[in-house]
Amino acid sequence: MSRHLERLLAIDLLIRSKTRSTNKIIAATLEVSERTIRSDLAFLRDRFNAPLEFSRSKGHHYTDPEWRLPSISLSQGELFALTLGARMLQAYAGSAYISDLRSAIMRLSERLPEQTWIDLQQIADEKIIFTAGAESYLDPQIWSQLVEACSNSRQVNIHYYTASRNANSDRVVDPYLLHIYRGTNPYLIGFCHKRQDIRWFRVDRIRELQLLTSKFVRDPTFNSKEHLEKIFQSEVGSGSPISVAIWFDAPTAPYVRERRWHPTQEIEENSDGSITLQMQVTGLNDLKRWVLGYGKGAVVKEPPELVALVKGEVEGMSKHYGL
């Protein structure tokens, strides 16, 4: 944004405020000369046809309070979409964006007719509600540093908690990209120098982060789209893709059929209303948890490794319930 436009926006806000605005007051507030303010006010009148007048009691004021600077030219539908988008991002991205979103929403509201903004806010507050389930505890500073690291190809040193091992470790990582899975699970995807491979790190499990001065060169063979297509949910796994086949009974089939769970999936329709889902994945643990979520409505057919994982989990659960 140019300094001139930024100053015009600031003048516009001062004129709309409840305080009396004169050339002297506006100049002192913006730390410029009164001559500059006179020039800016003339610019508003001549270029934008601002309905500006001055009186001793009101100072500079608009005779038509509905007039707006043409800095935002959006339809009401577009404005509503922006409002809902901001609410959705706040619901799903969590604490990392709350302060920025509130600031952005307030700045947007200042450019709109008051009644239009009130109507949009009321609809967004009362008629359309976004909930994201369990919220992760995301450190805004760590998230901000990761965004900078990804943008500027800077290495990071992270102190990371691994939940599966209940252990902490220090890693130097080349941050390739940030991925928010299901809206609430933020991941850092990058090259881990400790493991010498591409790894995923849950951002909310990064206990400490140091933004290093050293730069990195991204592996030219890494394709983010292809990489994300290999995984099931959020598990990368290792090695070559594994063929998976899962049978779902007729009552469960509609819930599986209505979504695309993986880019490689194929669904075979069976005569009794059941289906068999086939796909190629590189990890099995997330898949195990997903299958167990369907209870007796799902049966793993292959590979044997996944059958053993599910069977072991079911046996362990049975012991807890004395079965």
Protein backbone atom coordinates (compact mmCIF):
# COMPACT_ATOMS: atom_id res chain seq x y z
CA MET A 1 0.00 0.00 0.00
CA SER A 2 1.39 3.47 -0.93
CA ARG A 3 1.93 6.04 1.81
CA HIS A 4 -0.57 8.34 0.13
CA LEU A 5 -3.33 5.73 0.11
CA GLU A 6 -2.49 4.71 3.67
CA ARG A 7 -2.78 8.36 4.73
CA LEU A 8 -6.12 8.78 2.92
CA LEU A 9 -7.50 5.74 4.73
CA ALA A 10 -6.30 7.13 8.06
CA ILE A 11 -7.89 10.52 7.32
CA ASP A 12 -11.14 8.79 6.40
CA LEU A 13 -11.16 6.95 9.75
CA LEU A 14 -10.49 10.16 11.67
CA ILE A 15 -13.32 11.97 9.88
CA ARG A 16 -15.72 9.12 10.73
CA SER A 17 -14.65 9.05 14.37
CA LYS A 18 -16.71 10.74 17.08
CA THR A 19 -13.99 13.32 17.78
CA ARG A 20 -13.89 16.72 16.09
CA SER A 21 -11.27 16.68 13.30
CA THR A 22 -9.55 19.81 12.06
CA ASN A 23 -6.54 20.23 9.77
CA LYS A 24 -4.34 20.80 12.79
CA ILE A 25 -5.62 17.74 14.70
CA ILE A 26 -5.38 15.43 11.67
CA ALA A 27 -1.87 16.70 10.82
CA ALA A 28 -0.67 16.17 14.40
CA THR A 29 -2.19 12.68 14.53
CA LEU A 30 -0.59 11.59 11.25
CA GLU A 31 2.64 13.53 11.90
CA VAL A 32 2.54 15.48 8.63
CA SER A 33 2.10 19.15 7.77
CA GLU A 34 -1.26 20.91 7.60
CA ARG A 35 -0.46 21.71 3.98
CA THR A 36 -0.30 17.97 3.25
CA ILE A 37 -3.66 17.45 4.94
CA ARG A 38 -5.26 20.28 2.93
CA SER A 39 -3.94 18.66 -0.25
CA ASP A 40 -5.26 15.23 0.80
CA LEU A 41 -8.72 16.60 1.61
CA ALA A 42 -8.86 18.34 -1.77
CA PHE A 43 -7.82 15.04 -3.39
CA LEU A 44 -10.70 13.26 -1.66
CA ARG A 45 -13.17 15.86 -2.91
CA ASP A 46 -11.86 16.12 -6.48
CA ARG A 47 -10.85 12.52 -7.26
CA PHE A 48 -13.36 10.54 -5.22
CA ASN A 49 -16.22 13.07 -4.97
CA ALA A 50 -16.15 12.82 -1.19
CA PRO A 51 -19.10 14.78 0.33
CA LEU A 52 -16.78 16.68 2.69
CA GLU A 53 -17.75 19.77 4.63
CA PHE A 54 -16.33 21.69 7.58
CA SER A 55 -18.09 23.35 10.48
CA ARG A 56 -16.82 24.77 13.76
CA SER A 57 -18.92 22.33 15.78
CA LYS A 58 -18.26 19.12 13.81
CA GLY A 59 -14.94 19.82 12.14
CA HIS A 60 -14.44 17.90 8.90
CA HIS A 61 -17.37 15.54 8.31
CA TYR A 62 -19.24 13.72 5.56
CA THR A 63 -22.68 15.04 4.65
CA ASP A 64 -23.50 11.53 3.44
CA PRO A 65 -22.27 9.04 6.09
CA GLU A 66 -22.93 6.11 3.70
CA TRP A 67 -20.24 7.31 1.27
CA ARG A 68 -17.17 5.08 1.18
CA LEU A 69 -13.73 5.28 -0.35
CA PRO A 70 -13.63 3.00 -3.42
CA SER A 71 -10.77 0.97 -1.93
CA ILE A 72 -12.97 -2.12 -1.61
CA SER A 73 -15.30 -2.93 -4.47
CA LEU A 74 -17.14 -6.09 -3.48
CA SER A 75 -20.68 -7.30 -3.77
CA GLN A 76 -22.62 -8.11 -0.61
CA GLY A 77 -22.27 -11.80 -1.48
CA GLU A 78 -18.49 -11.46 -1.72
CA LEU A 79 -18.38 -9.60 1.58
CA PHE A 80 -20.46 -12.33 3.19
CA ALA A 81 -18.13 -14.99 1.79
CA LEU A 82 -15.13 -13.14 3.27
CA THR A 83 -16.86 -12.91 6.64
CA LEU A 84 -17.69 -16.62 6.67
CA GLY A 85 -14.20 -17.49 5.43
CA ALA A 86 -12.69 -15.59 8.33
CA ARG A 87 -14.98 -17.37 10.81
CA MET A 88 -14.15 -20.73 9.28
CA LEU A 89 -10.42 -20.08 9.44
CA GLN A 90 -10.71 -19.04 13.07
CA ALA A 91 -12.68 -22.19 13.89
CA TYR A 92 -10.29 -24.54 12.13
CA ALA A 93 -6.89 -22.88 12.44
CA GLY A 94 -7.40 -22.04 16.10
CA SER A 95 -5.38 -19.65 18.21
CA ALA A 96 -2.65 -18.97 15.66
CA TYR A 97 -4.86 -16.61 13.67
CA ILE A 98 -7.33 -15.25 16.21
CA SER A 99 -5.68 -11.85 16.75
CA ASP A 100 -4.91 -11.32 13.05
CA LEU A 101 -8.44 -12.32 12.04
CA ARG A 102 -10.06 -10.00 14.54
CA SER A 103 -7.89 -7.15 13.31
CA ALA A 104 -8.67 -7.94 9.65
CA ILE A 105 -12.41 -8.19 10.32
CA MET A 106 -12.45 -4.87 12.13
CA ARG A 107 -10.50 -3.16 9.35
CA LEU A 108 -12.90 -4.60 6.79
CA SER A 109 -15.90 -3.38 8.79
CA GLU A 110 -14.55 0.18 8.74
CA ARG A 111 -14.83 0.24 4.94
CA LEU A 112 -18.47 -0.90 4.86
CA PRO A 113 -21.77 0.89 5.45
CA GLU A 114 -22.62 0.37 9.11
CA GLN A 115 -25.97 -1.41 8.58
CA THR A 116 -24.49 -3.75 5.97
CA TRP A 117 -21.78 -4.80 8.40
CA ILE A 118 -24.25 -5.30 11.25
CA ASP A 119 -26.43 -7.52 9.05
CA LEU A 120 -23.46 -9.63 7.91
CA GLN A 121 -22.19 -10.03 11.46
CA GLN A 122 -25.61 -11.08 12.73
CA ILE A 123 -26.01 -13.75 10.05
CA ALA A 124 -22.47 -15.04 10.61
CA ASP A 125 -22.97 -15.13 14.39
CA GLU A 126 -26.46 -16.59 14.61
CA LYS A 127 -27.28 -18.49 11.44
CA ILE A 128 -24.09 -20.27 10.38
CA ILE A 129 -21.95 -21.91 13.05
CA PHE A 130 -18.54 -23.53 12.49
CA THR A 131 -17.21 -26.12 14.92
CA ALA A 132 -14.02 -28.06 14.39
CA GLY A 133 -14.16 -30.70 17.08
CA ALA A 134 -11.14 -31.07 19.37
CA GLU A 135 -8.94 -27.99 19.17
CA SER A 136 -5.15 -28.27 19.16
CA TYR A 137 -3.00 -25.97 21.28
CA LEU A 138 -1.07 -24.12 18.63
CA ASP A 139 1.65 -21.65 19.61
CA PRO A 140 1.14 -18.56 17.39
CA GLN A 141 4.83 -17.66 17.53
CA ILE A 142 5.99 -21.12 16.42
CA TRP A 143 3.42 -21.13 13.61
CA SER A 144 4.54 -17.67 12.47
CA GLN A 145 8.20 -18.75 12.46
CA LEU A 146 7.36 -21.84 10.41
CA VAL A 147 5.50 -19.73 7.84
CA GLU A 148 8.59 -17.52 7.54
CA ALA A 149 10.91 -20.55 7.33
CA CYS A 150 8.86 -22.15 4.54
CA SER A 151 8.62 -18.87 2.65
CA ASN A 152 12.33 -18.03 2.87
CA SER A 153 13.84 -21.56 2.75
CA ARG A 154 15.41 -21.27 6.21
CA GLN A 155 16.27 -24.27 8.33
CA VAL A 156 14.76 -24.70 11.78
CA ASN A 157 15.91 -26.47 14.91
CA ILE A 158 12.97 -28.01 16.76
CA HIS A 159 12.56 -29.65 20.15
CA TYR A 160 9.90 -32.21 19.29
CA TYR A 161 7.64 -34.47 21.34
CA THR A 162 6.86 -37.87 19.77
CA ALA A 163 3.60 -39.14 21.27
CA SER A 164 4.03 -42.77 20.15
CA ARG A 165 7.31 -43.04 22.09
CA ASN A 166 6.49 -40.47 24.79
CA ALA A 167 9.91 -38.96 24.16
CA ASN A 168 11.49 -35.64 23.15
CA SER A 169 14.21 -35.10 20.56
CA ASP A 170 16.03 -32.26 18.81
CA ARG A 171 15.88 -32.10 15.01
CA VAL A 172 17.20 -29.83 12.28
CA VAL A 173 14.52 -29.68 9.58
CA ASP A 174 14.25 -28.13 6.12
CA PRO A 175 10.60 -26.94 6.13
CA TYR A 176 9.01 -27.71 2.76
CA LEU A 177 5.36 -26.95 3.50
CA LEU A 178 2.67 -26.68 6.16
CA HIS A 179 -0.35 -28.96 5.89
CA ILE A 180 -3.54 -28.63 7.98
CA TYR A 181 -5.28 -32.00 8.02
CA ARG A 182 -9.03 -32.00 8.76
CA GLY A 183 -8.75 -28.36 9.72
CA THR A 184 -7.38 -29.00 13.22
CA ASN A 185 -4.22 -31.06 12.81
CA PRO A 186 -1.37 -28.83 11.58
CA TYR A 187 1.72 -30.57 10.22
CA LEU A 188 5.17 -29.43 9.17
CA ILE A 189 6.41 -31.50 6.23
CA GLY A 190 10.11 -31.31 5.53
CA PHE A 191 13.49 -32.99 5.28
CA CYS A 192 14.67 -34.25 8.68
CA HIS A 193 18.48 -34.26 8.90
CA LYS A 194 18.40 -36.75 11.78
CA ARG A 195 16.43 -39.32 9.79
CA GLN A 196 17.75 -38.22 6.37
CA ASP A 197 14.26 -38.45 4.94
CA ILE A 198 11.01 -36.53 4.49
CA ARG A 199 9.11 -36.50 7.79
CA TRP A 200 5.87 -35.10 9.18
CA PHE A 201 5.83 -33.18 12.48
CA ARG A 202 2.66 -32.16 14.33
CA VAL A 203 3.15 -28.44 14.85
CA ASP A 204 1.44 -28.46 18.25
CA ARG A 205 4.01 -31.05 19.39
CA ILE A 206 6.92 -28.73 18.64
CA ARG A 207 7.87 -27.60 22.15
CA GLU A 208 10.56 -25.11 21.07
CA LEU A 209 11.68 -23.78 17.71
CA GLN A 210 14.75 -21.84 16.62
CA LEU A 211 14.72 -20.15 13.22
CA LEU A 212 18.23 -20.68 11.85
CA THR A 213 20.13 -18.35 9.53
CA SER A 214 21.20 -21.25 7.32
CA LYS A 215 19.29 -21.71 4.08
CA PHE A 216 18.35 -24.95 2.35
CA VAL A 217 17.68 -26.05 -1.20
CA ARG A 218 14.50 -28.05 -1.62
CA ASP A 219 14.88 -31.50 -3.18
CA PRO A 220 13.83 -30.95 -6.82
CA THR A 221 12.35 -34.47 -6.94
CA PHE A 222 9.91 -33.71 -4.12
CA ASN A 223 6.38 -33.14 -5.43
CA SER A 224 3.97 -32.04 -2.70
CA LYS A 225 0.86 -33.20 -4.58
CA GLU A 226 2.27 -36.66 -5.25
CA HIS A 227 3.56 -36.92 -1.69
CA LEU A 228 0.17 -36.12 -0.16
CA GLU A 229 -1.59 -38.57 -2.48
CA LYS A 230 0.47 -41.48 -1.14
CA ILE A 231 -0.68 -41.18 2.44
CA PHE A 232 -3.86 -42.23 4.16
CA GLN A 233 -5.09 -39.42 6.40
CA SER A 234 -1.88 -38.18 8.10
CA GLU A 235 0.45 -41.20 8.12
CA VAL A 236 3.34 -41.14 5.68
CA GLY A 237 4.73 -44.60 6.37
CA SER A 238 7.80 -45.77 4.49
CA GLY A 239 8.74 -47.86 1.52
CA SER A 240 6.55 -48.76 -1.43
CA PRO A 241 2.75 -48.43 -1.43
CA ILE A 242 0.85 -51.42 0.00
CA SER A 243 -2.32 -52.86 -1.53
CA VAL A 244 -5.24 -52.73 0.90
CA ALA A 245 -8.71 -54.31 0.66
CA ILE A 246 -11.42 -53.68 3.25
CA TRP A 247 -14.95 -55.14 3.19
CA PHE A 248 -17.86 -53.06 4.51
CA ASP A 249 -21.28 -54.55 5.21
CA ALA A 250 -24.45 -53.20 3.58
CA PRO A 251 -25.49 -50.86 6.48
CA THR A 252 -22.00 -49.31 6.58
CA ALA A 253 -21.42 -49.13 2.82
CA PRO A 254 -23.33 -45.82 2.22
CA TYR A 255 -21.07 -43.96 4.68
CA VAL A 256 -17.95 -45.19 2.89
CA ARG A 257 -19.29 -44.83 -0.63
CA GLU A 258 -20.26 -41.15 -0.21
CA ARG A 259 -16.68 -39.93 0.21
CA ARG A 260 -13.35 -40.23 -1.54
CA TRP A 261 -10.94 -41.44 1.11
CA HIS A 262 -7.82 -41.82 -1.03
CA PRO A 263 -6.75 -40.85 -4.58
CA THR A 264 -6.11 -44.50 -5.51
CA GLN A 265 -9.34 -45.94 -4.11
CA GLU A 266 -11.58 -48.28 -6.10
CA ILE A 267 -14.92 -49.57 -4.81
CA GLU A 268 -16.29 -52.96 -5.79
CA GLU A 269 -20.05 -53.31 -5.38
CA ASN A 270 -21.19 -56.69 -4.04
CA SER A 271 -24.57 -58.30 -4.77
CA ASP A 272 -25.66 -58.24 -1.10
CA GLY A 273 -25.21 -54.45 -0.85
CA SER A 274 -21.80 -54.65 0.77
CA ILE A 275 -18.71 -53.09 -0.84
CA THR A 276 -14.98 -53.78 -0.96
CA LEU A 277 -12.70 -50.73 -0.82
CA GLN A 278 -9.27 -51.12 -2.43
CA MET A 279 -6.40 -48.62 -2.38
CA GLN A 280 -2.62 -48.22 -2.23
CA VAL A 281 -1.17 -46.67 0.96
CA THR A 282 2.28 -46.31 2.52
CA GLY A 283 1.28 -46.53 6.20
CA LEU A 284 -1.07 -48.81 8.13
CA ASN A 285 -1.51 -47.39 11.65
CA ASP A 286 -3.92 -44.59 10.73
CA LEU A 287 -5.75 -47.03 8.50
CA LYS A 288 -6.07 -49.45 11.45
CA ARG A 289 -7.67 -46.76 13.61
CA TRP A 290 -10.00 -45.74 10.77
CA VAL A 291 -11.20 -49.34 10.20
CA LEU A 292 -11.81 -49.84 13.93
CA GLY A 293 -14.05 -46.78 13.89
CA TYR A 294 -16.58 -48.75 11.83
CA GLY A 295 -16.69 -51.60 14.38
CA LYS A 296 -18.22 -54.84 13.13
CA GLY A 297 -19.23 -53.14 9.87
CA ALA A 298 -15.67 -53.39 8.47
CA VAL A 299 -13.37 -56.36 7.88
CA VAL A 300 -9.79 -56.10 6.60
CA LYS A 301 -9.10 -58.61 3.80
CA GLU A 302 -5.53 -57.64 2.97
CA PRO A 303 -2.65 -57.16 3.58
CA PRO A 304 -1.87 -59.68 6.35
CA GLU A 305 0.04 -56.98 8.26
CA LEU A 306 -3.09 -54.84 8.57
CA VAL A 307 -5.20 -57.87 9.51
CA ALA A 308 -2.73 -58.58 12.33
CA LEU A 309 -2.78 -54.97 13.54
CA VAL A 310 -6.57 -54.85 13.74
CA LYS A 311 -6.78 -58.31 15.31
CA GLY A 312 -4.23 -57.37 17.96
CA GLU A 313 -6.13 -54.18 18.79
CA VAL A 314 -9.46 -56.02 19.08
CA GLU A 315 -7.91 -58.66 21.35
CA GLY A 316 -6.43 -55.97 23.55
CA MET A 317 -9.78 -54.18 23.77
CA SER A 318 -11.52 -57.46 24.67
CA LYS A 319 -9.21 -57.90 27.67
CA HIS A 320 -10.14 -54.46 28.97
CA TYR A 321 -13.79 -55.43 28.96
CA GLY A 322 -13.25 -58.94 30.39
CA LEU A 323 -14.33 -60.70 27.19
